[in-house]
Amino acid sequence: MGAPGVLGAILLAGILAGCATPTPQSAPPARGQAPAPRVVPAALRGQPFTVVADESHLTILVYRAGALAALEHNHVVSCRCLSGTVYVPRDPLRAGFDLRVVVAGLTVDDPVLRAAEHSRDFPPDGSSSARQGTRHNMLSAALLNAAAYPDIRLRSERLRQASDGRRGDLVAELLVEAAGQSRSIAVPLHYDIGSDEIRVTAAFPLKQTELGLTPFSAAGGALKVRDGMTVRLSLLARRVPHR
């Protein structure tokens, strides 16, 4: 459904809501009676651990494609721009998280990270103009639309044991909200829980189209970005002390 269709649906919902019988409002608590506690979603219950942005890192490997791919470069997109909370109850399979990635914090081809790839797919690239141009395209309205959607949000829907059965290996079914699109994906991850902190790591392939995004393309498709990417995550969260 295009934008006019979405707008029409919203207006129709508003009209129907105005014609419906008003929903009775909850009576205020009696004098001296405490208000009802806020209901916390089941996926966000447990001991809270706050993400440490400076010690958490997101890396996305983006690859060139098209007939003119030789004229372009593969890119290392990265950031230390994660925030949010991980909730850990006694049963790790009932853990949950609500995370945000600040889109403006994403960088392209950090020299240190690019060199760390140790691969012919990512040779040293000293062209600052290429990095700036790639970042501009990435944040533009055609892709991440950072001006309208400054954050990417990751929320857990369900955790399940990984098929290998190894301790700490899980599959997270999560909801990703990016550039106005919401998509559910499943990703493998590994966790280690200490007394005061939790470390989560993950490495997995992901397609831009799985997130509702359209890979960048130019020159009639002769120069474009491959749909498939490689995502790596290293996240550290520390226990929130009881008050």
Foldseek 3Di string as FASTA:
>chain_A
DDPVVVVVVVVVVVVVQVPDDDDDDDDDDDVPDDDDDDDDPQLAAAFKWWWDLVQKKKWKWWAKDAQVSVVAAIKIKMFSAKTWIWHDHPDNQSIKIKMKGFLVRIFIPPPVVLVVVPDPRRDGDPDPVNRVVVSCVCCPLQFQVCVVPRIKIKIFDGKDADPVNDPQKIKTFIWIATSNFIATDIFIWGWDDDPWKIKIKGKDKDFSVRRVHDWDADPVRNITIDRIMIMIIIIMTTTDDDD
